[in-house]
Amino acid sequence: MAHIFLRPGALMFWLFAIILSSVAAPALADATKAVSPVTVTVATVSEQEVAALIEAAGTLEGTERATIAAKVTGMITRMDIKLGQAVKAGDLLVAIGAEEIGARLRVAEAQLAQARRNLEREQNLLAKNASTPETVKSMTDQYAIALAGHREAQTMIGYTTITAPFNGLVTRKHANVGDLATPGMALLQLESSNTFQVRATIPESLLLRVRTGDSLTIRIDGAGLTTRGTVTEIAPAADPQSRTAPLILELPAHADFRSGQFARVLLPGATTRTLVVPDAAVVPAGQMDRVFVVIDDRARLRLVRTGMRHDGLTEILAGLAAGETVATGNHRLLVDGQALRIQP
């Protein structure tokens, strides 16, 4: 026979624990019974047809967005804006030094003035029968050519100053004062700061399940927000390489939205029958979810495994059965065995 030897201190500890548990358990049960009933609201666990939701990754961006690029070649002489700066339509963004364009404008102005004088002279001579209609017509054509050249030079000189096309925020800055700008070179990016949209790509298998005007659930982790977005644009065809199609959803305004934030778009998939309870019935406790089931007017604690949440309902994957009654209000501080009073 094997013998177990305990030191006197350890033996006393175990004897004290056994005695304490034998005394505390009935006392705890009596205390639970003695507490006044708590009034709670309840709901019934139901089985419903729920569409499986598929997440599609997306990116938050301003509804109005523009990449500001140079149209002429020249040194950037002014660029006072900073990242995140708010600008208004018409504000100066970039100034480009291009002396050759200024010289071309002065040449065009001189040519236009000369063509105007020649035309006026020939018109006066024609009135005195000292010129011919053909000469006047030729001077008129030369004046029209000079005028077109002047307008072209004026347009080119206008390209040396770039202004904001709309109210927004500077979200990217690709150049600085002293850099050489060339036609087509991106200088900065401007986006609206009041209205946002989500650009996502969806699998081609779900392309026919979404229509313009549909309202979809969108989760934006960076803002800690779940909201609804309206589908405004859908690509008519899928990309043959990735088998996906772009999708754009318009979002309501929110102060925590920032361009570039990651977004999850929940798309409806195949429908399945599953157990659901109101979101309010689920009490988070760390990494576990708890539900208080009402049995004989008492609260019975259940640990449950939850699934997707949609339209105020939480999917229950394990821990409950259809038809059971769960507490949905005034139940956060309940304990197992707590007496309850059901609010009608």
Protein backbone atom coordinates (compact mmCIF):
# COMPACT_ATOMS: atom_id res chain seq x y z
CA MET A 1 0.00 0.00 0.00
CA ALA A 2 1.29 3.47 -0.93
CA HIS A 3 1.30 6.12 1.75
CA ILE A 4 1.01 9.88 1.20
CA PHE A 5 2.70 12.06 3.79
CA LEU A 6 1.71 15.74 4.23
CA ARG A 7 3.54 18.30 6.24
CA PRO A 8 1.55 19.64 9.20
CA GLY A 9 1.15 23.08 7.56
CA ALA A 10 -0.16 21.62 4.27
CA LEU A 11 -2.53 19.29 6.10
CA MET A 12 -4.03 22.19 8.01
CA PHE A 13 -4.45 24.18 4.76
CA TRP A 14 -6.42 21.41 3.03
CA LEU A 15 -8.61 20.79 6.10
CA PHE A 16 -9.41 24.52 6.27
CA ALA A 17 -10.25 24.65 2.50
CA ILE A 18 -12.61 21.65 2.80
CA ILE A 19 -14.38 23.11 5.80
CA LEU A 20 -14.66 26.56 4.17
CA SER A 21 -16.10 25.16 0.93
CA SER A 22 -18.64 23.03 2.78
CA VAL A 23 -19.78 26.06 4.72
CA ALA A 24 -19.56 28.66 1.89
CA ALA A 25 -21.49 26.70 -0.76
CA PRO A 26 -24.81 26.58 1.18
CA ALA A 27 -24.25 30.15 2.30
CA LEU A 28 -23.77 31.32 -1.30
CA ALA A 29 -26.90 29.45 -2.42
CA ASP A 30 -28.87 30.96 0.46
CA ALA A 31 -27.54 34.44 -0.39
CA THR A 32 -28.60 34.05 -4.04
CA LYS A 33 -32.09 33.02 -2.95
CA ALA A 34 -32.31 35.89 -0.48
CA VAL A 35 -31.56 38.59 -3.05
CA SER A 36 -34.64 40.41 -4.35
CA PRO A 37 -35.71 39.39 -7.86
CA VAL A 38 -34.25 41.49 -10.67
CA THR A 39 -36.64 42.79 -13.32
CA VAL A 40 -35.42 41.91 -16.82
CA THR A 41 -36.68 41.96 -20.37
CA VAL A 42 -36.55 38.74 -22.32
CA ALA A 43 -36.62 37.37 -25.86
CA THR A 44 -37.01 33.94 -27.39
CA VAL A 45 -34.25 32.12 -29.23
CA SER A 46 -35.56 31.73 -32.77
CA GLU A 47 -34.49 29.96 -35.91
CA GLN A 48 -34.43 32.13 -39.00
CA GLU A 49 -33.29 32.19 -42.59
CA VAL A 50 -30.10 34.25 -42.50
CA ALA A 51 -27.94 35.13 -45.47
CA ALA A 52 -24.31 34.17 -44.98
CA LEU A 53 -22.18 37.31 -45.14
CA ILE A 54 -18.94 37.35 -47.10
CA GLU A 55 -16.33 40.00 -46.36
CA ALA A 56 -14.78 41.97 -49.19
CA ALA A 57 -11.78 44.20 -48.53
CA GLY A 58 -12.10 47.86 -49.46
CA THR A 59 -10.51 51.26 -48.98
CA LEU A 60 -12.03 54.51 -47.77
CA GLU A 61 -11.53 57.50 -50.06
CA GLY A 62 -13.00 60.91 -50.68
CA THR A 63 -15.95 61.10 -53.04
CA GLU A 64 -14.15 63.87 -54.92
CA ARG A 65 -10.47 63.15 -55.52
CA ALA A 66 -7.99 64.52 -57.99
CA THR A 67 -4.33 63.99 -58.76
CA ILE A 68 -2.87 67.43 -59.49
CA ALA A 69 -0.27 67.17 -62.27
CA ALA A 70 1.88 69.61 -64.20
CA LYS A 71 1.07 70.53 -67.80
CA VAL A 72 4.28 72.44 -68.58
CA THR A 73 7.98 72.03 -67.92
CA GLY A 74 9.56 74.31 -65.35
CA MET A 75 11.00 74.72 -61.88
CA ILE A 76 8.53 74.73 -58.98
CA THR A 77 8.84 78.18 -57.42
CA ARG A 78 6.00 78.07 -54.91
CA MET A 79 4.26 75.26 -53.06
CA ASP A 80 3.11 76.55 -49.68
CA ILE A 81 0.65 73.76 -48.92
CA LYS A 82 1.27 71.00 -46.36
CA LEU A 83 -0.04 67.47 -45.94
CA GLY A 84 -3.48 67.49 -44.36
CA GLN A 85 -4.02 71.18 -45.11
CA ALA A 86 -7.56 72.21 -45.98
CA VAL A 87 -7.89 74.23 -49.18
CA LYS A 88 -10.79 75.93 -50.92
CA ALA A 89 -11.64 75.90 -54.60
CA GLY A 90 -9.47 78.48 -56.37
CA ASP A 91 -6.66 78.53 -53.77
CA LEU A 92 -3.14 78.54 -55.22
CA LEU A 93 -1.47 75.14 -54.87
CA VAL A 94 1.64 75.27 -57.08
CA ALA A 95 3.49 77.94 -59.07
CA ILE A 96 5.90 76.88 -61.84
CA GLY A 97 8.56 79.18 -63.26
CA ALA A 98 8.68 79.00 -67.08
CA GLU A 99 10.31 82.08 -68.58
CA GLU A 100 10.13 80.72 -72.12
CA ILE A 101 6.33 80.63 -71.89
CA GLY A 102 6.32 84.25 -70.71
CA ALA A 103 8.55 85.19 -73.62
CA ARG A 104 6.23 83.38 -76.01
CA LEU A 105 3.29 85.36 -74.62
CA ARG A 106 5.11 88.66 -75.19
CA VAL A 107 5.90 87.64 -78.77
CA ALA A 108 2.26 86.70 -79.32
CA GLU A 109 1.12 90.05 -77.93
CA ALA A 110 3.44 91.92 -80.29
CA GLN A 111 2.32 89.88 -83.29
CA LEU A 112 -1.31 90.45 -82.40
CA ALA A 113 -0.79 94.21 -82.11
CA GLN A 114 1.01 94.30 -85.46
CA ALA A 115 -1.72 92.24 -87.16
CA ARG A 116 -4.38 94.56 -85.73
CA ARG A 117 -2.59 97.66 -87.06
CA ASN A 118 -2.11 96.11 -90.51
CA LEU A 119 -5.77 95.13 -90.67
CA GLU A 120 -6.97 98.59 -89.60
CA ARG A 121 -4.67 100.29 -92.14
CA GLU A 122 -5.90 98.16 -95.02
CA GLN A 123 -9.52 98.68 -94.00
CA ASN A 124 -8.99 102.47 -94.06
CA LEU A 125 -7.29 102.26 -97.46
CA LEU A 126 -10.10 100.12 -98.81
CA ALA A 127 -12.59 102.78 -97.71
CA LYS A 128 -10.61 105.27 -99.88
CA ASN A 129 -10.38 102.76 -102.77
CA ALA A 130 -6.62 102.58 -102.14
CA SER A 131 -6.61 98.87 -101.34
CA THR A 132 -8.34 95.73 -102.52
CA PRO A 133 -10.82 93.43 -100.76
CA GLU A 134 -8.37 90.55 -101.24
CA THR A 135 -5.68 92.41 -99.31
CA VAL A 136 -8.12 93.18 -96.49
CA LYS A 137 -9.15 89.52 -96.38
CA SER A 138 -5.51 88.48 -96.16
CA MET A 139 -4.92 90.94 -93.28
CA THR A 140 -8.05 89.61 -91.55
CA ASP A 141 -6.70 86.05 -91.76
CA GLN A 142 -3.34 87.14 -90.37
CA TYR A 143 -5.09 88.90 -87.50
CA ALA A 144 -7.11 85.72 -86.72
CA ILE A 145 -3.88 83.66 -86.72
CA ALA A 146 -2.18 86.16 -84.38
CA LEU A 147 -5.22 86.18 -82.08
CA ALA A 148 -5.20 82.37 -81.87
CA GLY A 149 -1.49 82.38 -81.08
CA HIS A 150 -2.04 84.94 -78.34
CA ARG A 151 -4.81 82.87 -76.78
CA GLU A 152 -2.59 79.79 -76.89
CA ALA A 153 0.23 81.65 -75.13
CA GLN A 154 -2.20 82.95 -72.51
CA THR A 155 -3.46 79.41 -71.90
CA MET A 156 0.10 78.10 -71.55
CA ILE A 157 1.00 80.84 -69.07
CA GLY A 158 -2.11 79.85 -67.09
CA TYR A 159 -0.67 76.35 -66.68
CA THR A 160 2.21 77.78 -64.62
CA THR A 161 -0.17 78.37 -61.69
CA ILE A 162 -2.28 75.46 -60.42
CA THR A 163 -5.30 76.12 -58.22
CA ALA A 164 -7.59 73.80 -56.24
CA PRO A 165 -10.51 72.49 -58.32
CA PHE A 166 -12.71 71.93 -55.24
CA ASN A 167 -12.74 72.21 -51.44
CA GLY A 168 -10.76 69.41 -49.83
CA LEU A 169 -7.65 68.18 -48.03
CA VAL A 170 -4.16 67.61 -49.37
CA THR A 171 -3.69 63.87 -48.83
CA ARG A 172 -0.44 63.32 -50.74
CA LYS A 173 2.48 65.50 -51.75
CA HIS A 174 4.90 64.25 -54.39
CA ALA A 175 7.07 67.33 -55.05
CA ASN A 176 8.61 70.36 -53.34
CA VAL A 177 9.91 73.81 -54.21
CA GLY A 178 12.96 73.50 -56.46
CA ASP A 179 11.87 70.26 -58.16
CA LEU A 180 11.60 70.20 -61.92
CA ALA A 181 8.01 69.70 -63.04
CA THR A 182 7.32 68.00 -66.36
CA PRO A 183 4.04 67.47 -68.23
CA GLY A 184 2.05 64.66 -66.61
CA MET A 185 4.15 64.64 -63.42
CA ALA A 186 1.95 64.15 -60.33
CA LEU A 187 2.56 66.93 -57.82
CA LEU A 188 -0.05 66.27 -55.11
CA GLN A 189 -3.40 64.63 -54.43
CA LEU A 190 -6.51 66.42 -53.26
CA GLU A 191 -9.58 64.73 -51.75
CA SER A 192 -12.86 65.97 -50.36
CA SER A 193 -13.05 65.93 -46.57
CA ASN A 194 -16.81 65.91 -46.05
CA THR A 195 -18.08 63.03 -48.18
CA PHE A 196 -16.49 59.59 -48.41
CA GLN A 197 -16.94 56.37 -50.33
CA VAL A 198 -15.60 52.82 -50.13
CA ARG A 199 -13.95 51.24 -53.15
CA ALA A 200 -13.91 47.44 -52.91
CA THR A 201 -13.47 44.45 -55.19
CA ILE A 202 -15.95 41.59 -55.05
CA PRO A 203 -15.74 38.03 -56.45
CA GLU A 204 -17.47 37.52 -59.78
CA SER A 205 -19.68 34.87 -58.14
CA LEU A 206 -21.33 37.65 -56.11
CA LEU A 207 -21.55 40.18 -58.91
CA LEU A 208 -25.17 39.35 -59.71
CA ARG A 209 -26.23 39.47 -56.03
CA VAL A 210 -25.55 43.20 -55.69
CA ARG A 211 -27.53 45.98 -57.35
CA THR A 212 -27.14 49.75 -57.51
CA GLY A 213 -28.98 51.28 -54.57
CA ASP A 214 -28.47 48.27 -52.25
CA SER A 215 -27.57 49.07 -48.64
CA LEU A 216 -24.65 46.98 -47.31
CA THR A 217 -22.99 46.76 -43.90
CA ILE A 218 -19.48 48.22 -43.74
CA ARG A 219 -17.02 47.82 -40.89
CA ILE A 220 -14.22 50.37 -40.54
CA ASP A 221 -11.82 49.12 -37.88
CA GLY A 222 -9.70 52.28 -37.85
CA ALA A 223 -12.72 54.34 -36.80
CA GLY A 224 -14.19 51.57 -34.62
CA LEU A 225 -17.43 51.92 -36.52
CA THR A 226 -20.00 49.74 -38.26
CA THR A 227 -22.22 51.63 -40.67
CA ARG A 228 -24.30 51.20 -43.80
CA GLY A 229 -23.23 52.18 -47.30
CA THR A 230 -25.26 52.61 -50.49
CA VAL A 231 -24.01 50.98 -53.68
CA THR A 232 -23.55 53.73 -56.29
CA GLU A 233 -21.40 52.03 -58.93
CA ILE A 234 -20.83 48.42 -60.04
CA ALA A 235 -18.54 47.32 -62.83
CA PRO A 236 -20.54 45.61 -65.60
CA ALA A 237 -17.82 43.00 -66.13
CA ALA A 238 -15.27 41.15 -64.03
CA ASP A 239 -11.50 41.34 -64.48
CA PRO A 240 -10.48 38.12 -66.31
CA GLN A 241 -7.18 38.01 -64.41
CA SER A 242 -8.41 38.37 -60.80
CA ARG A 243 -12.05 37.28 -61.38
CA THR A 244 -13.20 40.26 -59.36
CA ALA A 245 -15.12 43.46 -60.11
CA PRO A 246 -14.86 46.92 -58.53
CA LEU A 247 -17.69 48.20 -56.35
CA ILE A 248 -18.22 51.72 -54.97
CA LEU A 249 -20.43 52.53 -51.96
CA GLU A 250 -21.34 55.98 -50.68
CA LEU A 251 -21.03 56.53 -46.92
CA PRO A 252 -22.74 58.95 -44.53
CA ALA A 253 -20.51 61.69 -43.12
CA HIS A 254 -18.55 60.89 -39.96
CA ALA A 255 -15.86 62.84 -38.09
CA ASP A 256 -13.56 59.80 -37.68
CA PHE A 257 -13.37 58.91 -41.36
CA ARG A 258 -9.94 59.26 -42.96
CA SER A 259 -8.93 58.60 -46.53
CA GLY A 260 -7.07 55.30 -46.92
CA GLN A 261 -8.70 53.52 -43.97
CA PHE A 262 -9.30 49.80 -44.37
CA ALA A 263 -12.94 48.80 -44.73
CA ARG A 264 -14.78 45.48 -44.71
CA VAL A 265 -17.85 45.25 -46.92
CA LEU A 266 -20.30 42.50 -45.92
CA LEU A 267 -21.88 40.93 -49.00
CA PRO A 268 -24.91 38.62 -48.91
CA GLY A 269 -24.16 34.99 -49.70
CA ALA A 270 -26.24 31.82 -49.62
CA THR A 271 -29.06 31.72 -47.04
CA THR A 272 -29.06 29.16 -44.21
CA ARG A 273 -31.29 28.45 -41.20
CA THR A 274 -29.62 29.34 -37.94
CA LEU A 275 -30.39 30.31 -34.35
CA VAL A 276 -30.45 34.03 -33.58
CA VAL A 277 -30.93 36.21 -30.52
CA PRO A 278 -31.03 40.00 -30.17
CA ASP A 279 -27.59 41.58 -29.89
CA ALA A 280 -28.52 42.83 -26.41
CA ALA A 281 -28.80 39.24 -25.11
CA VAL A 282 -25.08 38.56 -25.55
CA VAL A 283 -22.84 39.74 -22.69
CA PRO A 284 -19.13 39.81 -23.68
CA ALA A 285 -16.73 38.58 -21.01
CA GLY A 286 -13.16 38.77 -22.23
CA GLN A 287 -12.84 36.35 -25.13
CA MET A 288 -16.08 34.58 -24.22
CA ASP A 289 -19.73 35.44 -24.82
CA ARG A 290 -22.32 34.82 -22.12
CA VAL A 291 -26.09 34.56 -22.23
CA PHE A 292 -28.49 34.29 -19.28
CA VAL A 293 -31.24 31.77 -19.96
CA VAL A 294 -34.46 32.17 -17.98
CA ILE A 295 -35.52 28.87 -16.39
CA ASP A 296 -38.20 28.78 -13.66
CA ASP A 297 -37.82 32.55 -13.17
CA ARG A 298 -34.12 32.22 -12.47
CA ALA A 299 -31.08 33.24 -14.49
CA ARG A 300 -28.91 30.37 -15.70
CA LEU A 301 -25.53 31.32 -17.13
CA ARG A 302 -24.61 29.85 -20.52
CA LEU A 303 -21.41 30.24 -22.49
CA VAL A 304 -22.22 30.49 -26.19
CA ARG A 305 -20.35 30.57 -29.46
CA THR A 306 -21.51 33.42 -31.66
CA GLY A 307 -21.28 33.97 -35.40
CA MET A 308 -22.17 36.90 -37.65
CA ARG A 309 -24.15 39.93 -36.52
CA HIS A 310 -26.67 41.52 -38.85
CA ASP A 311 -29.64 43.86 -38.46
CA GLY A 312 -29.60 43.73 -34.65
CA LEU A 313 -29.40 39.92 -34.43
CA THR A 314 -26.50 37.71 -33.39
CA GLU A 315 -26.04 34.23 -34.81
CA ILE A 316 -25.69 31.49 -32.16
CA LEU A 317 -23.53 28.59 -33.29
CA ALA A 318 -23.55 26.64 -30.00
CA GLY A 319 -24.87 26.88 -26.45
CA LEU A 320 -28.59 27.52 -26.97
CA ALA A 321 -31.64 25.73 -28.36
CA ALA A 322 -34.59 27.12 -30.28
CA GLY A 323 -37.49 28.21 -28.05
CA GLU A 324 -35.39 29.01 -24.97
CA THR A 325 -35.92 32.36 -23.26
CA VAL A 326 -32.95 34.69 -22.74
CA ALA A 327 -32.57 37.95 -20.84
CA THR A 328 -32.04 41.03 -23.02
CA GLY A 329 -32.16 43.96 -20.61
CA ASN A 330 -30.92 44.80 -17.10
CA HIS A 331 -28.88 41.58 -17.11
CA ARG A 332 -25.26 42.71 -17.16
CA LEU A 333 -24.73 42.16 -13.42
CA LEU A 334 -26.77 38.97 -13.07
CA VAL A 335 -25.25 35.87 -11.45
CA ASP A 336 -26.11 32.26 -12.03
CA GLY A 337 -29.22 31.33 -10.06
CA GLN A 338 -30.41 34.93 -9.65
CA ALA A 339 -34.15 35.27 -9.08
CA LEU A 340 -35.86 37.17 -11.88
CA ARG A 341 -39.04 39.11 -12.48
CA ILE A 342 -40.03 39.14 -16.14
CA GLN A 343 -41.05 42.54 -17.43
CA PRO A 344 -44.13 42.17 -19.64
